[in-house]
Amino acid sequence: MELKEVIGRRRTIRFFIPFREVEREKIQKMLEAARRSSCAGNVMNVRAIVIWRDQASDELIKAITPPIGYQQMQTAPCFLLWYNEPGVYEGARWIESVLGLADVRRIGTNVEATKAEINERLRPGFMAAGAAMGLAPFAYMDVGQAIAQATLVAYDEGLGSCLMSGPAIERAAKLLDLPESAVPVCLQAVGYPAESWEAGGQTPKPPFEEMFFEMKYGQPFEGDEAVVEELSDSRMIQEPAPLPWREEELIYLARALDLEDRILSD
């Protein structure tokens, strides 16, 4: 699929085929996509632990289960616990990473001059603010970018996923031997969809002009209908939910997978 269609076909999948295992190589591709994401200073603070349901204890599955996650937690064969590792910003680690960008010609135009400027002007601030930067908004933005890239690769590989979060996943830290510095961000259920790929249609979003502005808040960025038509042709914009057969599909899935008709976990 082309990128725009992958984005358009992405749905939050909550019903997976429980008996179909996810190939290790597909999870590896997701992790490689995360590793290739943009990150401030190239420190790469994103981390993940892969959890295979058939190898996990009941205690671990219960620990990682968020309040709203019943169907996906009951059927997904694989989970990724994504977390932020603030420690990569502390001490000289961040500055060494930025110096490495100069070595591979990613910043500056003259290697030695760029490295001298980094050491003289940036190092003091980086050394002082490193710990705080690891918990700053841009650190979580970088984790989010990594997860987004992994998610799109999952769909390109024929998988589906559901991203979940909440206080529950923090209880899994000890069971997974996460370092004390780790900050769990979200849990991602991954598997082959038991739902049709449309999953009832594309989830409606707020109006474009209510979300995006130009030059100042309150002044909408006016979209062009020709662009909407182009994105529809490329399958990035698709038929919105609910599709007429969705209710019957949900009833069928609940019966076929022997699931109770609820969304809250115990």
Protein backbone atom coordinates (compact mmCIF):
# COMPACT_ATOMS: atom_id res chain seq x y z
CA MET A 1 0.00 0.00 0.00
CA GLU A 2 1.00 3.59 -0.49
CA LEU A 3 1.56 5.68 2.65
CA LYS A 4 -1.66 7.67 2.39
CA GLU A 5 -3.73 4.51 2.09
CA VAL A 6 -1.98 2.96 5.10
CA ILE A 7 -2.96 6.05 7.11
CA GLY A 8 -6.50 5.84 5.77
CA ARG A 9 -6.87 2.13 6.55
CA ARG A 10 -5.58 2.45 10.10
CA ARG A 11 -8.30 1.67 12.60
CA THR A 12 -8.23 0.96 16.31
CA ILE A 13 -8.71 -2.80 16.27
CA ARG A 14 -10.30 -4.33 19.36
CA PHE A 15 -11.09 -7.84 18.10
CA PHE A 16 -8.10 -9.99 17.13
CA ILE A 17 -7.75 -13.58 15.94
CA PRO A 18 -6.55 -15.10 19.23
CA PHE A 19 -5.13 -18.31 17.74
CA ARG A 20 -3.06 -16.65 15.00
CA GLU A 21 0.41 -15.78 16.22
CA VAL A 22 2.17 -12.60 15.14
CA GLU A 23 5.48 -13.30 13.41
CA ARG A 24 8.57 -12.07 15.26
CA GLU A 25 9.86 -10.47 12.09
CA LYS A 26 6.78 -8.24 11.86
CA ILE A 27 7.29 -7.03 15.42
CA GLN A 28 10.94 -6.42 14.56
CA LYS A 29 9.87 -4.29 11.59
CA MET A 30 7.66 -2.23 13.90
CA LEU A 31 10.54 -1.72 16.33
CA GLU A 32 12.90 -0.76 13.50
CA ALA A 33 10.35 1.82 12.34
CA ALA A 34 10.31 3.26 15.85
CA ARG A 35 14.13 3.29 15.90
CA ARG A 36 14.15 5.29 12.66
CA SER A 37 11.89 8.04 13.98
CA SER A 38 12.87 11.65 14.54
CA CYS A 39 14.15 12.54 18.02
CA ALA A 40 15.63 15.68 19.56
CA GLY A 41 19.41 15.38 19.55
CA ASN A 42 19.03 11.79 18.31
CA VAL A 43 19.08 10.58 21.91
CA MET A 44 16.30 8.07 21.13
CA ASN A 45 14.51 7.98 24.47
CA VAL A 46 11.80 5.60 23.24
CA ARG A 47 11.88 2.07 24.63
CA ALA A 48 9.56 -0.94 24.35
CA ILE A 49 9.13 -4.37 25.86
CA VAL A 50 7.46 -7.03 23.74
CA ILE A 51 5.04 -9.25 25.65
CA TRP A 52 3.83 -12.53 24.13
CA ARG A 53 0.52 -13.60 25.63
CA ASP A 54 1.34 -17.31 25.56
CA GLN A 55 4.51 -16.67 27.60
CA ALA A 56 3.03 -14.15 30.05
CA SER A 57 1.72 -14.96 33.49
CA ASP A 58 -1.86 -14.21 34.48
CA GLU A 59 -0.40 -11.69 36.93
CA LEU A 60 1.36 -9.82 34.15
CA ILE A 61 -1.68 -9.78 31.84
CA LYS A 62 -3.79 -8.43 34.69
CA ALA A 63 -1.15 -5.81 35.51
CA ILE A 64 -1.02 -4.44 31.98
CA THR A 65 -4.80 -4.45 31.47
CA PRO A 66 -6.27 -0.92 31.45
CA PRO A 67 -9.86 -0.34 32.66
CA ILE A 68 -11.24 0.00 29.13
CA GLY A 69 -9.60 -2.81 27.24
CA TYR A 70 -11.68 -5.92 27.52
CA GLN A 71 -11.95 -7.27 23.96
CA GLN A 72 -8.44 -6.39 22.87
CA MET A 73 -6.86 -7.71 26.07
CA GLN A 74 -8.77 -10.99 25.72
CA THR A 75 -7.84 -11.62 22.10
CA ALA A 76 -4.51 -9.97 21.19
CA PRO A 77 -1.58 -12.43 21.01
CA CYS A 78 1.08 -9.74 21.48
CA PHE A 79 1.53 -6.50 23.39
CA LEU A 80 4.17 -3.77 23.32
CA LEU A 81 4.72 -1.70 26.44
CA TRP A 82 6.19 1.59 25.25
CA TYR A 83 8.00 3.81 27.72
CA ASN A 84 10.07 6.95 27.94
CA GLU A 85 13.66 6.60 29.19
CA PRO A 86 14.61 10.06 30.59
CA GLY A 87 18.06 8.82 31.60
CA VAL A 88 19.40 9.28 28.07
CA TYR A 89 19.29 13.06 28.60
CA GLU A 90 21.36 13.05 31.79
CA GLY A 91 25.05 13.88 32.14
CA ALA A 92 27.10 13.83 28.97
CA ARG A 93 24.88 11.38 27.09
CA TRP A 94 22.76 14.02 25.38
CA ILE A 95 25.71 16.18 24.36
CA GLU A 96 27.60 13.16 23.02
CA SER A 97 24.61 12.27 20.90
CA VAL A 98 24.45 15.79 19.45
CA LEU A 99 28.20 15.70 18.75
CA GLY A 100 27.58 12.46 16.89
CA LEU A 101 25.17 14.28 14.61
CA ALA A 102 28.02 16.57 13.58
CA ASP A 103 30.25 13.56 12.88
CA VAL A 104 27.73 12.06 10.47
CA ARG A 105 27.09 15.46 8.84
CA ARG A 106 23.53 15.85 10.08
CA ILE A 107 24.02 19.31 11.66
CA GLY A 108 26.29 22.21 10.83
CA THR A 109 28.43 22.67 7.74
CA ASN A 110 31.89 22.34 9.27
CA VAL A 111 32.43 19.42 11.64
CA GLU A 112 35.10 20.89 13.91
CA ALA A 113 33.49 24.33 14.11
CA THR A 114 30.09 22.80 14.85
CA LYS A 115 31.48 20.54 17.58
CA ALA A 116 33.35 23.46 19.14
CA GLU A 117 30.15 25.51 19.24
CA ILE A 118 28.25 22.59 20.80
CA ASN A 119 30.89 22.09 23.48
CA GLU A 120 31.30 25.77 24.28
CA ARG A 121 27.73 27.01 24.09
CA LEU A 122 25.40 24.04 24.46
CA ARG A 123 27.22 21.68 26.81
CA PRO A 124 26.72 23.77 29.99
CA GLY A 125 22.97 24.06 29.43
CA PHE A 126 22.58 20.44 28.43
CA MET A 127 24.48 19.26 31.49
CA ALA A 128 22.34 21.39 33.79
CA ALA A 129 18.94 20.68 32.24
CA GLY A 130 19.34 17.07 31.14
CA ALA A 131 17.16 15.43 33.78
CA ALA A 132 14.34 17.94 33.27
CA MET A 133 14.51 17.62 29.50
CA GLY A 134 13.87 13.90 29.78
CA LEU A 135 10.42 14.67 31.16
CA ALA A 136 9.68 17.71 28.97
CA PRO A 137 6.84 17.72 26.41
CA PHE A 138 9.18 17.22 23.45
CA ALA A 139 10.52 13.99 24.99
CA TYR A 140 7.03 12.51 24.97
CA MET A 141 6.45 13.94 21.51
CA ASP A 142 9.44 11.93 20.31
CA VAL A 143 8.09 8.76 21.93
CA GLY A 144 4.76 9.41 20.22
CA GLN A 145 6.41 9.82 16.83
CA ALA A 146 8.20 6.50 17.26
CA ILE A 147 4.98 4.72 18.22
CA ALA A 148 3.15 6.27 15.26
CA GLN A 149 5.75 4.97 12.81
CA ALA A 150 5.62 1.50 14.38
CA THR A 151 1.83 1.55 14.15
CA LEU A 152 1.78 2.41 10.45
CA VAL A 153 4.27 -0.38 9.71
CA ALA A 154 2.01 -2.80 11.60
CA TYR A 155 -0.89 -1.96 9.30
CA ASP A 156 1.32 -2.13 6.23
CA GLU A 157 2.23 -5.67 7.35
CA GLY A 158 -1.43 -6.69 7.59
CA LEU A 159 -1.70 -6.38 11.36
CA GLY A 160 -3.99 -4.29 13.51
CA SER A 161 -3.41 -2.58 16.84
CA CYS A 162 -5.01 -0.78 19.73
CA LEU A 163 -3.18 1.81 21.82
CA MET A 164 -4.15 2.04 25.48
CA SER A 165 -2.89 3.87 28.53
CA GLY A 166 -3.72 4.57 32.14
CA PRO A 167 -2.40 3.99 35.66
CA ALA A 168 -2.73 0.21 35.27
CA ILE A 169 0.33 -0.14 33.05
CA GLU A 170 2.56 1.42 35.70
CA ARG A 171 1.87 -1.61 37.90
CA ALA A 172 3.60 -3.77 35.31
CA ALA A 173 6.94 -1.98 35.76
CA LYS A 174 8.20 -4.26 38.52
CA LEU A 175 7.02 -7.42 36.79
CA LEU A 176 8.91 -6.39 33.66
CA ASP A 177 12.01 -5.22 35.55
CA LEU A 178 11.78 -1.71 34.13
CA PRO A 179 14.43 0.67 35.51
CA GLU A 180 13.24 3.17 38.10
CA SER A 181 13.79 5.99 35.61
CA ALA A 182 11.33 4.49 33.10
CA VAL A 183 8.00 6.25 32.53
CA PRO A 184 5.40 3.92 30.92
CA VAL A 185 3.54 5.75 28.16
CA CYS A 186 1.17 3.27 26.57
CA LEU A 187 0.38 -0.35 25.86
CA GLN A 188 -0.16 -1.49 22.28
CA ALA A 189 -2.15 -4.62 21.54
CA VAL A 190 -1.03 -6.17 18.24
CA GLY A 191 -2.47 -9.01 16.19
CA TYR A 192 -4.32 -10.05 13.08
CA PRO A 193 -7.77 -8.42 13.02
CA ALA A 194 -10.79 -10.63 13.51
CA GLU A 195 -12.79 -7.64 12.36
CA SER A 196 -13.04 -6.68 8.73
CA TRP A 197 -10.27 -4.23 7.86
CA GLU A 198 -12.82 -1.40 7.61
CA ALA A 199 -13.80 -2.05 11.25
CA GLY A 200 -17.11 -0.30 10.65
CA GLY A 201 -15.66 2.66 8.77
CA GLN A 202 -13.25 5.50 9.38
CA THR A 203 -13.75 7.10 12.79
CA PRO A 204 -15.29 10.59 12.46
CA LYS A 205 -13.05 13.46 13.60
CA PRO A 206 -13.79 17.08 14.55
CA PRO A 207 -14.16 19.51 11.64
CA PHE A 208 -10.86 20.49 10.00
CA GLU A 209 -11.35 24.21 10.68
CA GLU A 210 -11.94 23.57 14.39
CA MET A 211 -8.58 21.87 14.79
CA PHE A 212 -6.15 23.88 12.67
CA PHE A 213 -5.46 27.61 12.49
CA GLU A 214 -3.42 30.02 10.39
CA MET A 215 -1.29 32.84 11.80
CA LYS A 216 -3.27 33.01 15.06
CA TYR A 217 -5.72 31.06 17.18
CA GLY A 218 -9.32 31.39 16.03
CA GLN A 219 -8.42 32.05 12.40
CA PRO A 220 -9.14 28.71 10.71
CA PHE A 221 -6.77 27.21 8.17
CA GLU A 222 -9.17 26.98 5.26
CA GLY A 223 -9.01 23.65 3.49
CA ASP A 224 -9.33 23.14 -0.26
CA GLU A 225 -12.01 20.73 -1.47
CA ALA A 226 -9.69 19.69 -4.30
CA VAL A 227 -7.24 18.40 -1.69
CA VAL A 228 -10.05 16.50 0.06
CA GLU A 229 -10.95 14.91 -3.26
CA GLU A 230 -7.32 14.00 -3.93
CA LEU A 231 -6.95 12.39 -0.49
CA SER A 232 -10.20 10.49 -1.02
CA ASP A 233 -8.87 9.16 -4.31
CA SER A 234 -5.66 8.04 -2.59
CA ARG A 235 -7.75 6.30 0.13
CA MET A 236 -6.48 8.43 2.99
CA ILE A 237 -10.01 9.76 3.50
CA GLN A 238 -12.52 6.92 3.52
CA GLU A 239 -16.18 6.25 4.23
CA PRO A 240 -16.98 7.28 7.80
CA ALA A 241 -18.33 5.03 10.52
CA PRO A 242 -20.72 3.48 11.12
CA LEU A 243 -21.06 1.36 8.01
CA PRO A 244 -24.54 -0.20 7.74
CA TRP A 245 -23.43 -3.74 8.64
CA ARG A 246 -21.29 -2.83 11.65
CA GLU A 247 -23.75 -3.77 14.38
CA GLU A 248 -24.22 -7.26 12.95
CA GLU A 249 -20.43 -7.66 12.69
CA LEU A 250 -19.97 -6.82 16.37
CA ILE A 251 -22.64 -9.31 17.42
CA TYR A 252 -21.00 -11.98 15.27
CA LEU A 253 -17.54 -11.27 16.70
CA ALA A 254 -18.73 -11.46 20.29
CA ARG A 255 -20.34 -14.82 19.64
CA ALA A 256 -17.52 -16.25 17.51
CA LEU A 257 -14.84 -15.29 20.05
CA ASP A 258 -17.04 -16.17 23.03
CA LEU A 259 -16.73 -12.71 24.53
CA GLU A 260 -19.07 -11.02 26.96
CA ASP A 261 -20.85 -7.90 25.73
CA ARG A 262 -18.84 -5.39 27.76
CA ILE A 263 -15.90 -3.04 27.34
CA LEU A 264 -14.62 -2.77 30.92
CA SER A 265 -12.04 -5.18 32.27
CA ASP A 266 -12.32 -6.66 35.77
